Structure formats: C-alpha cells, structure tokens
Protein backbone atom coordinates (compact mmCIF):
# COMPACT_ATOMS: atom_id res chain seq x y z
CA UNK A 1 10.75 9.13 2.32
CA UNK A 2 7.42 9.04 0.32
CA UNK A 3 7.06 10.02 -2.35
CA UNK A 4 3.70 9.88 -3.36
CA UNK A 5 0.31 8.82 -2.78
CA UNK A 6 -2.86 7.74 -4.09
CA UNK A 7 -5.62 8.02 -2.31
CA UNK A 8 -9.82 6.79 -3.20
CA UNK A 9 -12.92 6.58 -1.62
CA UNK A 10 -11.44 7.84 1.76
CA UNK A 11 -13.52 10.98 3.22
CA UNK A 12 -14.19 14.13 0.95
CA UNK A 13 -12.59 12.23 -1.79
CA UNK A 14 -14.03 9.91 -4.02
CA UNK A 15 -12.35 9.87 -6.82
CA UNK A 16 -8.43 8.70 -7.52
CA UNK A 17 -6.76 11.57 -5.65
CA UNK A 18 -2.39 11.18 -6.77
CA UNK A 19 -0.84 13.84 -4.10
CA UNK A 20 3.61 13.52 -5.14
CA UNK A 21 5.83 14.75 -2.09
CA UNK A 22 9.08 16.03 -2.25
CA UNK A 23 10.81 17.15 1.03
CA UNK A 24 8.58 20.22 1.56
CA UNK A 25 4.89 19.82 0.28
CA UNK A 26 2.43 22.45 1.20
CA UNK A 27 -1.79 22.37 0.37
CA UNK A 28 -3.50 25.16 -0.80
CA UNK A 29 -7.14 25.59 -1.38
CA UNK A 30 -10.44 26.24 -1.10
CA UNK A 31 -12.00 25.01 2.12
CA UNK A 32 -13.16 21.28 2.22
CA UNK A 33 -11.37 20.52 -1.19
CA UNK A 34 -8.99 18.12 1.28
CA UNK A 35 -6.22 18.83 2.91
CA UNK A 36 -6.71 17.76 5.79
CA UNK A 37 -7.87 14.59 4.31
CA UNK A 38 -4.43 13.76 3.34
CA UNK A 39 -3.21 14.73 6.86
CA UNK A 40 -6.26 11.96 8.54
CA UNK A 41 -5.31 9.41 6.16
CA UNK A 42 -1.12 9.41 6.73
CA UNK A 43 -2.30 10.01 10.82
CA UNK A 44 -4.76 6.45 9.98
CA UNK A 45 -1.61 4.92 9.05
CA UNK A 46 0.67 5.46 12.06
CA UNK A 47 -2.26 5.41 14.63
CA UNK A 48 -2.72 1.23 12.59
CA UNK A 49 1.22 0.68 12.79
CA UNK A 50 1.40 1.98 15.93
CA UNK A 51 -1.27 0.19 18.45
CA UNK A 52 -1.28 -3.09 19.91
CA UNK A 53 -4.00 -5.20 19.03
CA UNK A 54 -2.19 -5.87 15.73
CA UNK A 55 -5.23 -7.43 13.47
CA UNK A 56 -7.17 -4.46 13.02
CA UNK A 57 -7.33 -3.63 9.54
CA UNK A 58 -7.50 0.04 9.88
CA UNK A 59 -7.39 1.86 13.79
CA UNK A 60 -9.53 5.54 14.08
CA UNK A 61 -8.55 6.43 16.74
CA UNK A 62 -10.33 6.35 20.64
CA UNK A 63 -10.03 8.82 23.29
CA UNK A 64 -6.17 8.70 24.24
CA UNK A 65 -5.60 9.06 20.91
CA UNK A 66 -4.28 12.12 18.87
CA UNK A 67 -6.43 12.22 16.21
CA UNK A 68 -10.14 10.20 16.72
CA UNK A 69 -11.65 9.32 12.88
CA UNK A 70 -14.74 8.35 14.75
CA UNK A 71 -15.90 4.93 12.89
CA UNK A 72 -14.62 2.81 10.00
CA UNK A 73 -18.29 4.19 7.86
CA UNK A 74 -17.69 7.54 8.94
CA UNK A 75 -13.72 6.79 6.86
CA UNK A 76 -15.86 6.08 3.69
CA UNK A 77 -16.69 8.40 0.91
CA UNK A 78 -20.53 9.10 2.10
CA UNK A 79 -21.05 6.45 4.19
CA UNK A 80 -20.56 3.48 1.16
CA UNK A 81 -18.91 0.53 2.77
CA UNK A 82 -19.26 -1.31 -1.08
CA UNK A 83 -16.38 0.75 -2.66
CA UNK A 84 -14.22 0.78 0.27
CA UNK A 85 -11.38 2.25 0.27
CA UNK A 86 -8.06 2.04 -1.62
CA UNK A 87 -4.30 4.54 -0.98
CA UNK A 88 -1.58 2.60 -2.23
CA UNK A 89 1.49 5.10 -1.08
CA UNK A 90 5.76 4.30 -3.15
CA UNK A 91 8.76 5.06 -0.90
CA UNK A 92 12.58 5.20 -1.51
CA UNK A 93 14.67 3.12 0.21
CA UNK A 94 17.28 4.50 2.39
CA UNK A 95 19.91 2.40 0.03
CA UNK A 96 19.54 -0.51 -2.43
CA UNK A 97 17.83 -3.99 -1.85
CA UNK A 98 19.09 -6.42 -3.48
CA UNK A 99 17.35 -9.94 -3.81
CA UNK A 100 19.38 -13.12 -5.72
CA UNK A 101 16.36 -15.25 -7.45
CA UNK A 102 17.09 -18.49 -5.57
CA UNK A 103 15.00 -20.61 -8.01
CA UNK A 104 17.20 -19.32 -11.11
CA UNK A 105 20.54 -20.75 -11.40
CA UNK A 106 23.53 -21.29 -13.91
CA UNK A 107 24.82 -24.97 -14.58
CA UNK A 108 27.72 -24.34 -11.41
CA UNK A 109 24.30 -23.35 -8.58
CA UNK A 110 24.82 -19.42 -8.90
CA UNK A 111 21.18 -17.19 -8.71
CA UNK A 112 21.43 -16.02 -12.26
CA UNK A 113 19.66 -13.04 -11.87
CA UNK A 114 19.57 -10.48 -8.57
CA UNK A 115 16.33 -8.25 -8.73
CA UNK A 116 17.38 -4.22 -7.32
CA UNK A 117 14.47 -1.88 -5.69
CA UNK A 118 15.34 1.45 -5.37
CA UNK A 119 11.90 2.26 -3.16
CA UNK A 120 8.78 0.45 -2.50
CA UNK A 121 5.32 0.84 -3.38
CA UNK A 122 2.17 -0.34 -1.60
CA UNK A 123 -1.21 -1.02 -2.76
CA UNK A 124 -4.47 -1.80 -0.82
CA UNK A 125 -8.00 -1.98 -1.26
CA UNK A 126 -10.30 -2.76 1.60
CA UNK A 127 -13.68 -3.44 1.85
CA UNK A 128 -15.95 -3.52 5.00
CA UNK A 129 -18.13 -6.65 6.09
CA UNK A 130 -22.04 -7.07 6.95
CA UNK A 131 -20.58 -5.13 10.74
CA UNK A 132 -19.09 -2.73 9.72
CA UNK A 133 -15.49 -4.21 10.00
CA UNK A 134 -13.11 -3.27 7.69
CA UNK A 135 -11.33 -6.25 5.57
CA UNK A 136 -7.72 -6.66 3.54
CA UNK A 137 -9.15 -7.22 -0.20
CA UNK A 138 -5.80 -6.84 -1.45
CA UNK A 139 -2.87 -5.51 -1.22
CA UNK A 140 1.22 -5.97 -3.12
CA UNK A 141 4.35 -4.74 -3.05
CA UNK A 142 6.06 -4.13 -5.14
CA UNK A 143 9.99 -3.25 -5.14
CA UNK A 144 10.70 -1.39 -8.26
CA UNK A 145 14.19 0.27 -9.26
CA UNK A 146 13.85 3.78 -10.62
CA UNK A 147 9.82 3.13 -12.05
CA UNK A 148 10.02 0.19 -13.16
CA UNK A 149 8.74 -2.65 -10.93
CA UNK A 150 11.22 -5.53 -10.12
CA UNK A 151 9.46 -8.06 -8.75
CA UNK A 152 5.67 -7.92 -7.27
CA UNK A 153 4.14 -9.55 -4.37
CA UNK A 154 0.16 -9.48 -3.82
CA UNK A 155 -2.76 -11.01 -2.33
CA UNK A 156 -6.49 -11.78 -2.54
CA UNK A 157 -8.24 -13.67 0.20
CA UNK A 158 -5.87 -16.88 0.47
CA UNK A 159 -4.65 -16.49 -2.78
CA UNK A 160 -0.73 -15.11 -2.94
CA UNK A 161 1.38 -14.06 -5.94
CA UNK A 162 4.84 -13.52 -6.16
CA UNK A 163 5.61 -12.08 -9.64
CA UNK A 164 8.77 -11.48 -10.48
CA UNK A 165 10.60 -10.07 -13.54
CA UNK A 166 13.54 -11.58 -16.42
CA UNK A 167 16.01 -8.76 -15.86
CA UNK A 168 17.45 -10.17 -20.09
CA UNK A 169 13.52 -11.06 -21.32
CA UNK A 170 11.55 -8.84 -19.37
CA UNK A 171 9.71 -12.58 -19.30
CA UNK A 172 7.79 -12.36 -15.36
CA UNK A 173 7.61 -15.73 -14.26
CA UNK A 174 4.94 -16.42 -11.59
CA UNK A 175 4.69 -17.85 -7.71
CA UNK A 176 1.67 -19.53 -6.16
CA UNK A 177 1.64 -19.61 -2.42
CA UNK A 178 -1.55 -21.73 -0.88
CA UNK A 179 -1.95 -19.19 1.74
CA UNK A 180 -5.36 -21.09 3.85
C-alpha cells in the first residue's frame, strides 16, 4: 500500500505537497485547492506504467485513455518547463525483503551483512527538453526498514550509484556504476 506521496510543480501545486495515505483517505477542500490533482497524478502514473511504449517517461493519455491530461507542458505548474516535475512515494512491501550484501564477507566467505527492508521509497525529477519531451533528470529507490534507509539506488543521466548503510558502525558504502 502507498503510505505517502509528495508532489512538486505538478498542475496547480507549485510548492511541495506531502500527502499521508491510509487505508481510507478522504480529501476535502475548497474548489481549486488541488483535490483532483492527486487523482490526476495517480492516473498519470498508472497510464504511464500500462502504456505499451516503455520509452515513455510520462503518458498523459490519448483518446482511448480513461483520462487525457493534455500536453506535457500542461502538467507542469503554470507551464514552467524549467523546473520540471518532482515526485516521490513510499509503499509497504507485502513481506520483508532481505538482501545479502555479497561485497562484505567474513573470513570464511559468508556474507557479513544483510539488508532488510519493509518499505520502498521512489523519488523522481522529470525535466523537459527543448522539444517539450520529458526526460528523467534523476531517480532514486530507497529500501527502508521502518523509516531508516538501508540501501539506495540512484541515477542521474549516465551516473548510477548504490549506497548501503552498515548495520554495526553506521558507515555508508558507495558503489559507482557506469551506465554508458
């Protein structure tokens, strides 16, 4: 289940809005305050995931879509393509995820660390090029045990990093990956 969503520079929301989700979440407010914006955002994500074209960064819909959100620039607050759109969401996993750290091993060759996660956070910053096409400026996945990050995987253009937090000494190990 999605537990919280943060959106910035999307439709009527210029400033960052963080919404905490519960099994039953109701939205109340005056007209024009952004109640529908959250529904539009979630529909946009669903349409993007369900589109056959996997090269699409955001899919605002077509005549056959449940919701047509217009052009990419119409998704950005006041059509400000320079800022782009930022969003993040966190969701609980159906069961604990255990990851074995294969880099750090004991003398006898066994893994010395295990990463455990009960939820995943995803963060993304989407910009727009001169042709008005969206591209991913930055994305990051965080594996978290409760609210403590245990591992993150991030990418900015051609640079990807993986950070892991050591369980004993609170150290951070970073691995750089070339993605040419």
